[in-house]
Amino acid sequence: DRVIVTSGSSSAFLLAFSALFDAGDRVGLGEPGYPSYR
């Protein structure tokens, strides 16, 4: 039940970021890293 199938991992990022964060929230990412996170 915890598995959510998505349209590519890109859609998973959209869902994850939408579910976890509100506008303006600061999210850290290591650099160098996958550019589409940013």
ModelCIF file with pLDDT and N, C-alpha, C, O atoms, coordinates in Angstrom:
data_MODEL
#
_entry.id   MODEL 
#
_entity.id                         1 
_entity.type                       polymer 
_entity.pdbx_number_of_molecules   1 
#
_entity_poly.entity_id                      1 
_entity_poly.type                           'polypeptide(L)' 
_entity_poly.nstd_linkage                   no 
_entity_poly.nstd_monomer                   no 
_entity_poly.pdbx_seq_one_letter_code       DRVIVTSGSSSAFLLAFSALFDAGDRVGLGEPGYPSYR 
_entity_poly.pdbx_seq_one_letter_code_can   DRVIVTSGSSSAFLLAFSALFDAGDRVGLGEPGYPSYR 
_entity_poly.pdbx_strand_id                 A 
#
loop_
_entity_poly_seq.entity_id 
_entity_poly_seq.num 
_entity_poly_seq.mon_id 
_entity_poly_seq.hetero 
1 1  ASP n 
1 2  ARG n 
1 3  VAL n 
1 4  ILE n 
1 5  VAL n 
1 6  THR n 
1 7  SER n 
1 8  GLY n 
1 9  SER n 
1 10 SER n 
1 11 SER n 
1 12 ALA n 
1 13 PHE n 
1 14 LEU n 
1 15 LEU n 
1 16 ALA n 
1 17 PHE n 
1 18 SER n 
1 19 ALA n 
1 20 LEU n 
1 21 PHE n 
1 22 ASP n 
1 23 ALA n 
1 24 GLY n 
1 25 ASP n 
1 26 ARG n 
1 27 VAL n 
1 28 GLY n 
1 29 LEU n 
1 30 GLY n 
1 31 GLU n 
1 32 PRO n 
1 33 GLY n 
1 34 TYR n 
1 35 PRO n 
1 36 SER n 
1 37 TYR n 
1 38 ARG n 
#
_struct_asym.id          A 
_struct_asym.entity_id   1 
#
loop_
_ma_qa_metric.id 
_ma_qa_metric.mode 
_ma_qa_metric.name 
_ma_qa_metric.software_group_id 
_ma_qa_metric.type 
1 global pLDDT . pLDDT 
2 local  pLDDT . pLDDT 
#
_ma_qa_metric_global.metric_id      1 
_ma_qa_metric_global.metric_value   97.05 
_ma_qa_metric_global.model_id       1 
_ma_qa_metric_global.ordinal_id     1 
#
loop_
_ma_qa_metric_local.label_asym_id 
_ma_qa_metric_local.label_comp_id 
_ma_qa_metric_local.label_seq_id 
_ma_qa_metric_local.metric_id 
_ma_qa_metric_local.metric_value 
_ma_qa_metric_local.model_id 
_ma_qa_metric_local.ordinal_id 
A ASP 1  2 98.00 1 1  
A ARG 2  2 98.00 1 2  
A VAL 3  2 98.00 1 3  
A ILE 4  2 98.00 1 4  
A VAL 5  2 98.00 1 5  
A THR 6  2 98.00 1 6  
A SER 7  2 97.00 1 7  
A GLY 8  2 95.00 1 8  
A SER 9  2 96.00 1 9  
A SER 10 2 95.00 1 10 
A SER 11 2 97.00 1 11 
A ALA 12 2 98.00 1 12 
A PHE 13 2 98.00 1 13 
A LEU 14 2 97.00 1 14 
A LEU 15 2 98.00 1 15 
A ALA 16 2 98.00 1 16 
A PHE 17 2 98.00 1 17 
A SER 18 2 98.00 1 18 
A ALA 19 2 98.00 1 19 
A LEU 20 2 98.00 1 20 
A PHE 21 2 98.00 1 21 
A ASP 22 2 98.00 1 22 
A ALA 23 2 97.00 1 23 
A GLY 24 2 97.00 1 24 
A ASP 25 2 98.00 1 25 
A ARG 26 2 98.00 1 26 
A VAL 27 2 98.00 1 27 
A GLY 28 2 98.00 1 28 
A LEU 29 2 98.00 1 29 
A GLY 30 2 97.00 1 30 
A GLU 31 2 97.00 1 31 
A PRO 32 2 96.00 1 32 
A GLY 33 2 96.00 1 33 
A TYR 34 2 95.00 1 34 
A PRO 35 2 93.00 1 35 
A SER 36 2 94.00 1 36 
A TYR 37 2 96.00 1 37 
A ARG 38 2 95.00 1 38 
#
loop_
_atom_site.group_PDB 
_atom_site.id 
_atom_site.type_symbol 
_atom_site.label_atom_id 
_atom_site.label_alt_id 
_atom_site.label_comp_id 
_atom_site.label_asym_id 
_atom_site.label_entity_id 
_atom_site.label_seq_id 
_atom_site.pdbx_PDB_ins_code 
_atom_site.Cartn_x 
_atom_site.Cartn_y 
_atom_site.Cartn_z 
_atom_site.occupancy 
_atom_site.B_iso_or_equiv 
_atom_site.pdbx_formal_charge 
_atom_site.auth_seq_id 
_atom_site.auth_comp_id 
_atom_site.auth_asym_id 
_atom_site.auth_atom_id 
_atom_site.pdbx_PDB_model_num 
ATOM 1   N N  . ASP A 1 1  ? 0.835  -1.214 0.000   1.00 98.00 ? 1  ASP A N  1 
ATOM 2   C CA . ASP A 1 1  ? 0.000  0.000  0.000   1.00 98.00 ? 1  ASP A CA 1 
ATOM 3   C C  . ASP A 1 1  ? 0.866  1.260  0.000   1.00 98.00 ? 1  ASP A C  1 
ATOM 4   O O  . ASP A 1 1  ? 0.417  2.323  -0.429  1.00 98.00 ? 1  ASP A O  1 
ATOM 5   N N  . ARG A 1 2  ? 2.101  1.144  0.478   1.00 98.00 ? 2  ARG A N  1 
ATOM 6   C CA . ARG A 1 2  ? 2.978  2.314  0.550   1.00 98.00 ? 2  ARG A CA 1 
ATOM 7   C C  . ARG A 1 2  ? 3.651  2.634  -0.786  1.00 98.00 ? 2  ARG A C  1 
ATOM 8   O O  . ARG A 1 2  ? 4.299  3.672  -0.922  1.00 98.00 ? 2  ARG A O  1 
ATOM 9   N N  . VAL A 1 3  ? 3.501  1.751  -1.761  1.00 98.00 ? 3  VAL A N  1 
ATOM 10  C CA . VAL A 1 3  ? 4.118  1.931  -3.071  1.00 98.00 ? 3  VAL A CA 1 
ATOM 11  C C  . VAL A 1 3  ? 3.194  2.739  -3.969  1.00 98.00 ? 3  VAL A C  1 
ATOM 12  O O  . VAL A 1 3  ? 2.027  2.384  -4.141  1.00 98.00 ? 3  VAL A O  1 
ATOM 13  N N  . ILE A 1 4  ? 3.698  3.804  -4.533  1.00 98.00 ? 4  ILE A N  1 
ATOM 14  C CA . ILE A 1 4  ? 2.931  4.677  -5.424  1.00 98.00 ? 4  ILE A CA 1 
ATOM 15  C C  . ILE A 1 4  ? 3.623  4.682  -6.782  1.00 98.00 ? 4  ILE A C  1 
ATOM 16  O O  . ILE A 1 4  ? 4.741  5.182  -6.906  1.00 98.00 ? 4  ILE A O  1 
ATOM 17  N N  . VAL A 1 5  ? 2.972  4.134  -7.792  1.00 98.00 ? 5  VAL A N  1 
ATOM 18  C CA . VAL A 1 5  ? 3.538  4.078  -9.134  1.00 98.00 ? 5  VAL A CA 1 
ATOM 19  C C  . VAL A 1 5  ? 3.300  5.427  -9.811  1.00 98.00 ? 5  VAL A C  1 
ATOM 20  O O  . VAL A 1 5  ? 2.218  6.004  -9.703  1.00 98.00 ? 5  VAL A O  1 
ATOM 21  N N  . THR A 1 6  ? 4.319  5.921  -10.506 1.00 98.00 ? 6  THR A N  1 
ATOM 22  C CA . THR A 1 6  ? 4.276  7.281  -11.053 1.00 98.00 ? 6  THR A CA 1 
ATOM 23  C C  . THR A 1 6  ? 4.699  7.297  -12.521 1.00 98.00 ? 6  THR A C  1 
ATOM 24  O O  . THR A 1 6  ? 5.270  6.331  -13.026 1.00 98.00 ? 6  THR A O  1 
ATOM 25  N N  . SER A 1 7  ? 4.414  8.388  -13.184 1.00 97.00 ? 7  SER A N  1 
ATOM 26  C CA . SER A 1 7  ? 4.822  8.566  -14.581 1.00 97.00 ? 7  SER A CA 1 
ATOM 27  C C  . SER A 1 7  ? 6.280  9.023  -14.617 1.00 97.00 ? 7  SER A C  1 
ATOM 28  O O  . SER A 1 7  ? 6.572  10.206 -14.793 1.00 97.00 ? 7  SER A O  1 
ATOM 29  N N  . GLY A 1 8  ? 7.182  8.064  -14.448 1.00 95.00 ? 8  GLY A N  1 
ATOM 30  C CA . GLY A 1 8  ? 8.593  8.374  -14.335 1.00 95.00 ? 8  GLY A CA 1 
ATOM 31  C C  . GLY A 1 8  ? 8.918  8.900  -12.947 1.00 95.00 ? 8  GLY A C  1 
ATOM 32  O O  . GLY A 1 8  ? 8.025  9.294  -12.197 1.00 95.00 ? 8  GLY A O  1 
ATOM 33  N N  . SER A 1 9  ? 10.197 8.904  -12.613 1.00 96.00 ? 9  SER A N  1 
ATOM 34  C CA . SER A 1 9  ? 10.580 9.448  -11.305 1.00 96.00 ? 9  SER A CA 1 
ATOM 35  C C  . SER A 1 9  ? 10.322 10.946 -11.241 1.00 96.00 ? 9  SER A C  1 
ATOM 36  O O  . SER A 1 9  ? 10.149 11.490 -10.150 1.00 96.00 ? 9  SER A O  1 
ATOM 37  N N  . SER A 1 10 ? 10.292 11.626 -12.386 1.00 95.00 ? 10 SER A N  1 
ATOM 38  C CA . SER A 1 10 ? 10.021 13.071 -12.382 1.00 95.00 ? 10 SER A CA 1 
ATOM 39  C C  . SER A 1 10 ? 8.670  13.367 -11.754 1.00 95.00 ? 10 SER A C  1 
ATOM 40  O O  . SER A 1 10 ? 8.534  14.323 -10.990 1.00 95.00 ? 10 SER A O  1 
ATOM 41  N N  . SER A 1 11 ? 7.669  12.552 -12.072 1.00 97.00 ? 11 SER A N  1 
ATOM 42  C CA . SER A 1 11 ? 6.357  12.740 -11.446 1.00 97.00 ? 11 SER A CA 1 
ATOM 43  C C  . SER A 1 11 ? 6.408  12.443 -9.954  1.00 97.00 ? 11 SER A C  1 
ATOM 44  O O  . SER A 1 11 ? 5.697  13.060 -9.161  1.00 97.00 ? 11 SER A O  1 
ATOM 45  N N  . ALA A 1 12 ? 7.259  11.490 -9.584  1.00 98.00 ? 12 ALA A N  1 
ATOM 46  C CA . ALA A 1 12 ? 7.412  11.198 -8.158  1.00 98.00 ? 12 ALA A CA 1 
ATOM 47  C C  . ALA A 1 12 ? 7.977  12.400 -7.417  1.00 98.00 ? 12 ALA A C  1 
ATOM 48  O O  . ALA A 1 12 ? 7.547  12.699 -6.303  1.00 98.00 ? 12 ALA A O  1 
ATOM 49  N N  . PHE A 1 13 ? 8.939  13.093 -8.025  1.00 98.00 ? 13 PHE A N  1 
ATOM 50  C CA . PHE A 1 13 ? 9.466  14.295 -7.386  1.00 98.00 ? 13 PHE A CA 1 
ATOM 51  C C  . PHE A 1 13 ? 8.384  15.356 -7.238  1.00 98.00 ? 13 PHE A C  1 
ATOM 52  O O  . PHE A 1 13 ? 8.283  15.999 -6.193  1.00 98.00 ? 13 PHE A O  1 
ATOM 53  N N  . LEU A 1 14 ? 7.581  15.541 -8.266  1.00 97.00 ? 14 LEU A N  1 
ATOM 54  C CA . LEU A 1 14 ? 6.482  16.510 -8.176  1.00 97.00 ? 14 LEU A CA 1 
ATOM 55  C C  . LEU A 1 14 ? 5.533  16.145 -7.041  1.00 97.00 ? 14 LEU A C  1 
ATOM 56  O O  . LEU A 1 14 ? 5.146  17.008 -6.252  1.00 97.00 ? 14 LEU A O  1 
ATOM 57  N N  . LEU A 1 15 ? 5.159  14.880 -6.956  1.00 98.00 ? 15 LEU A N  1 
ATOM 58  C CA . LEU A 1 15 ? 4.256  14.449 -5.890  1.00 98.00 ? 15 LEU A CA 1 
ATOM 59  C C  . LEU A 1 15 ? 4.897  14.606 -4.521  1.00 98.00 ? 15 LEU A C  1 
ATOM 60  O O  . LEU A 1 15 ? 4.266  15.096 -3.583  1.00 98.00 ? 15 LEU A O  1 
ATOM 61  N N  . ALA A 1 16 ? 6.148  14.191 -4.409  1.00 98.00 ? 16 ALA A N  1 
ATOM 62  C CA . ALA A 1 16 ? 6.838  14.258 -3.117  1.00 98.00 ? 16 ALA A CA 1 
ATOM 63  C C  . ALA A 1 16 ? 6.966  15.696 -2.633  1.00 98.00 ? 16 ALA A C  1 
ATOM 64  O O  . ALA A 1 16 ? 6.642  16.003 -1.486  1.00 98.00 ? 16 ALA A O  1 
ATOM 65  N N  . PHE A 1 17 ? 7.437  16.571 -3.505  1.00 98.00 ? 17 PHE A N  1 
ATOM 66  C CA . PHE A 1 17 ? 7.633  17.959 -3.102  1.00 98.00 ? 17 PHE A CA 1 
ATOM 67  C C  . PHE A 1 17 ? 6.303  18.638 -2.801  1.00 98.00 ? 17 PHE A C  1 
ATOM 68  O O  . PHE A 1 17 ? 6.229  19.479 -1.905  1.00 98.00 ? 17 PHE A O  1 
ATOM 69  N N  . SER A 1 18 ? 5.251  18.285 -3.536  1.00 98.00 ? 18 SER A N  1 
ATOM 70  C CA . SER A 1 18 ? 3.930  18.867 -3.291  1.00 98.00 ? 18 SER A CA 1 
ATOM 71  C C  . SER A 1 18 ? 3.346  18.372 -1.978  1.00 98.00 ? 18 SER A C  1 
ATOM 72  O O  . SER A 1 18 ? 2.677  19.125 -1.269  1.00 98.00 ? 18 SER A O  1 
ATOM 73  N N  . ALA A 1 19 ? 3.595  17.107 -1.653  1.00 98.00 ? 19 ALA A N  1 
ATOM 74  C CA . ALA A 1 19 ? 3.033  16.529 -0.435  1.00 98.00 ? 19 ALA A CA 1 
ATOM 75  C C  . ALA A 1 19 ? 3.770  16.983 0.819   1.00 98.00 ? 19 ALA A C  1 
ATOM 76  O O  . ALA A 1 19 ? 3.169  17.084 1.888   1.00 98.00 ? 19 ALA A O  1 
ATOM 77  N N  . LEU A 1 20 ? 5.060  17.257 0.697   1.00 98.00 ? 20 LEU A N  1 
ATOM 78  C CA . LEU A 1 20 ? 5.882  17.512 1.875   1.00 98.00 ? 20 LEU A CA 1 
ATOM 79  C C  . LEU A 1 20 ? 6.058  18.982 2.223   1.00 98.00 ? 20 LEU A C  1 
ATOM 80  O O  . LEU A 1 20 ? 6.231  19.318 3.395   1.00 98.00 ? 20 LEU A O  1 
ATOM 81  N N  . PHE A 1 21 ? 6.016  19.881 1.213   1.00 98.00 ? 21 PHE A N  1 
ATOM 82  C CA . PHE A 1 21 ? 6.477  21.247 1.445   1.00 98.00 ? 21 PHE A CA 1 
ATOM 83  C C  . PHE A 1 21 ? 5.441  22.286 1.037   1.00 98.00 ? 21 PHE A C  1 
ATOM 84  O O  . PHE A 1 21 ? 4.615  22.059 0.153   1.00 98.00 ? 21 PHE A O  1 
ATOM 85  N N  . ASP A 1 22 ? 5.511  23.431 1.707   1.00 98.00 ? 22 ASP A N  1 
ATOM 86  C CA . ASP A 1 22 ? 4.688  24.592 1.374   1.00 98.00 ? 22 ASP A CA 1 
ATOM 87  C C  . ASP A 1 22 ? 5.535  25.631 0.648   1.00 98.00 ? 22 ASP A C  1 
ATOM 88  O O  . ASP A 1 22 ? 6.762  25.636 0.756   1.00 98.00 ? 22 ASP A O  1 
ATOM 89  N N  . ALA A 1 23 ? 4.865  26.509 -0.092  1.00 97.00 ? 23 ALA A N  1 
ATOM 90  C CA . ALA A 1 23 ? 5.560  27.540 -0.868  1.00 97.00 ? 23 ALA A CA 1 
ATOM 91  C C  . ALA A 1 23 ? 6.558  28.287 0.022   1.00 97.00 ? 23 ALA A C  1 
ATOM 92  O O  . ALA A 1 23 ? 6.237  28.703 1.135   1.00 97.00 ? 23 ALA A O  1 
ATOM 93  N N  . GLY A 1 24 ? 7.759  28.442 -0.496  1.00 97.00 ? 24 GLY A N  1 
ATOM 94  C CA . GLY A 1 24 ? 8.800  29.159 0.240   1.00 97.00 ? 24 GLY A CA 1 
ATOM 95  C C  . GLY A 1 24 ? 9.693  28.271 1.079   1.00 97.00 ? 24 GLY A C  1 
ATOM 96  O O  . GLY A 1 24 ? 10.765 28.707 1.500   1.00 97.00 ? 24 GLY A O  1 
ATOM 97  N N  . ASP A 1 25 ? 9.284  27.033 1.336   1.00 98.00 ? 25 ASP A N  1 
ATOM 98  C CA . ASP A 1 25 ? 10.114 26.139 2.142   1.00 98.00 ? 25 ASP A CA 1 
ATOM 99  C C  . ASP A 1 25 ? 11.472 25.920 1.468   1.00 98.00 ? 25 ASP A C  1 
ATOM 100 O O  . ASP A 1 25 ? 11.584 25.908 0.242   1.00 98.00 ? 25 ASP A O  1 
ATOM 101 N N  . ARG A 1 26 ? 12.482 25.748 2.293   1.00 98.00 ? 26 ARG A N  1 
ATOM 102 C CA . ARG A 1 26 ? 13.858 25.581 1.811   1.00 98.00 ? 26 ARG A CA 1 
ATOM 103 C C  . ARG A 1 26 ? 14.217 24.090 1.829   1.00 98.00 ? 26 ARG A C  1 
ATOM 104 O O  . ARG A 1 26 ? 14.110 23.418 2.855   1.00 98.00 ? 26 ARG A O  1 
ATOM 105 N N  . VAL A 1 27 ? 14.644 23.598 0.668   1.00 98.00 ? 27 VAL A N  1 
ATOM 106 C CA . VAL A 1 27 ? 14.957 22.180 0.520   1.00 98.00 ? 27 VAL A CA 1 
ATOM 107 C C  . VAL A 1 27 ? 16.410 22.040 0.071   1.00 98.00 ? 27 VAL A C  1 
ATOM 108 O O  . VAL A 1 27 ? 16.805 22.604 -0.949  1.00 98.00 ? 27 VAL A O  1 
ATOM 109 N N  . GLY A 1 28 ? 17.202 21.289 0.834   1.00 98.00 ? 28 GLY A N  1 
ATOM 110 C CA . GLY A 1 28 ? 18.612 21.134 0.547   1.00 98.00 ? 28 GLY A CA 1 
ATOM 111 C C  . GLY A 1 28 ? 18.881 20.029 -0.459  1.00 98.00 ? 28 GLY A C  1 
ATOM 112 O O  . GLY A 1 28 ? 18.191 19.011 -0.488  1.00 98.00 ? 28 GLY A O  1 
ATOM 113 N N  . LEU A 1 29 ? 19.896 20.249 -1.283  1.00 98.00 ? 29 LEU A N  1 
ATOM 114 C CA . LEU A 1 29 ? 20.347 19.241 -2.242  1.00 98.00 ? 29 LEU A CA 1 
ATOM 115 C C  . LEU A 1 29 ? 21.846 19.341 -2.400  1.00 98.00 ? 29 LEU A C  1 
ATOM 116 O O  . LEU A 1 29 ? 22.395 20.438 -2.505  1.00 98.00 ? 29 LEU A O  1 
ATOM 117 N N  . GLY A 1 30 ? 22.508 18.204 -2.416  1.00 97.00 ? 30 GLY A N  1 
ATOM 118 C CA . GLY A 1 30 ? 23.954 18.195 -2.562  1.00 97.00 ? 30 GLY A CA 1 
ATOM 119 C C  . GLY A 1 30 ? 24.378 18.671 -3.936  1.00 97.00 ? 30 GLY A C  1 
ATOM 120 O O  . GLY A 1 30 ? 23.714 18.386 -4.933  1.00 97.00 ? 30 GLY A O  1 
ATOM 121 N N  . GLU A 1 31 ? 25.482 19.395 -3.990  1.00 97.00 ? 31 GLU A N  1 
ATOM 122 C CA . GLU A 1 31 ? 26.065 19.833 -5.260  1.00 97.00 ? 31 GLU A CA 1 
ATOM 123 C C  . GLU A 1 31 ? 27.472 19.274 -5.358  1.00 97.00 ? 31 GLU A C  1 
ATOM 124 O O  . GLU A 1 31 ? 28.272 19.464 -4.442  1.00 97.00 ? 31 GLU A O  1 
ATOM 125 N N  . PRO A 1 32 ? 27.805 18.568 -6.480  1.00 96.00 ? 32 PRO A N  1 
ATOM 126 C CA . PRO A 1 32 ? 26.995 18.419 -7.676  1.00 96.00 ? 32 PRO A CA 1 
ATOM 127 C C  . PRO A 1 32 ? 25.832 17.445 -7.466  1.00 96.00 ? 32 PRO A C  1 
ATOM 128 O O  . PRO A 1 32 ? 25.914 16.514 -6.664  1.00 96.00 ? 32 PRO A O  1 
ATOM 129 N N  . GLY A 1 33 ? 24.749 17.686 -8.208  1.00 96.00 ? 33 GLY A N  1 
ATOM 130 C CA . GLY A 1 33 ? 23.578 16.827 -8.099  1.00 96.00 ? 33 GLY A CA 1 
ATOM 131 C C  . GLY A 1 33 ? 22.691 16.959 -9.318  1.00 96.00 ? 33 GLY A C  1 
ATOM 132 O O  . GLY A 1 33 ? 22.924 17.803 -10.184 1.00 96.00 ? 33 GLY A O  1 
ATOM 133 N N  . TYR A 1 34 ? 21.691 16.134 -9.376  1.00 95.00 ? 34 TYR A N  1 
ATOM 134 C CA . TYR A 1 34 ? 20.761 16.108 -10.496 1.00 95.00 ? 34 TYR A CA 1 
ATOM 135 C C  . TYR A 1 34 ? 20.092 17.474 -10.651 1.00 95.00 ? 34 TYR A C  1 
ATOM 136 O O  . TYR A 1 34 ? 19.447 17.943 -9.713  1.00 95.00 ? 34 TYR A O  1 
ATOM 137 N N  . PRO A 1 35 ? 20.227 18.123 -11.810 1.00 93.00 ? 35 PRO A N  1 
ATOM 138 C CA . PRO A 1 35 ? 19.779 19.515 -11.939 1.00 93.00 ? 35 PRO A CA 1 
ATOM 139 C C  . PRO A 1 35 ? 18.279 19.721 -11.822 1.00 93.00 ? 35 PRO A C  1 
ATOM 140 O O  . PRO A 1 35 ? 17.836 20.787 -11.393 1.00 93.00 ? 35 PRO A O  1 
ATOM 141 N N  . SER A 1 36 ? 17.486 18.716 -12.196 1.00 94.00 ? 36 SER A N  1 
ATOM 142 C CA . SER A 1 36 ? 16.047 18.928 -12.188 1.00 94.00 ? 36 SER A CA 1 
ATOM 143 C C  . SER A 1 36 ? 15.472 19.042 -10.783 1.00 94.00 ? 36 SER A C  1 
ATOM 144 O O  . SER A 1 36 ? 14.380 19.585 -10.616 1.00 94.00 ? 36 SER A O  1 
ATOM 145 N N  . TYR A 1 37 ? 16.189 18.537 -9.745  1.00 96.00 ? 37 TYR A N  1 
ATOM 146 C CA . TYR A 1 37 ? 15.708 18.807 -8.385  1.00 96.00 ? 37 TYR A CA 1 
ATOM 147 C C  . TYR A 1 37 ? 15.477 20.305 -8.210  1.00 96.00 ? 37 TYR A C  1 
ATOM 148 O O  . TYR A 1 37 ? 14.410 20.752 -7.790  1.00 96.00 ? 37 TYR A O  1 
ATOM 149 N N  . ARG A 1 38 ? 16.515 21.057 -8.549  1.00 95.00 ? 38 ARG A N  1 
ATOM 150 C CA . ARG A 1 38 ? 16.507 22.500 -8.334  1.00 95.00 ? 38 ARG A CA 1 
ATOM 151 C C  . ARG A 1 38 ? 15.385 23.167 -9.122  1.00 95.00 ? 38 ARG A C  1 
ATOM 152 O O  . ARG A 1 38 ? 15.227 24.386 -9.060  1.00 95.00 ? 38 ARG A O  1 
#
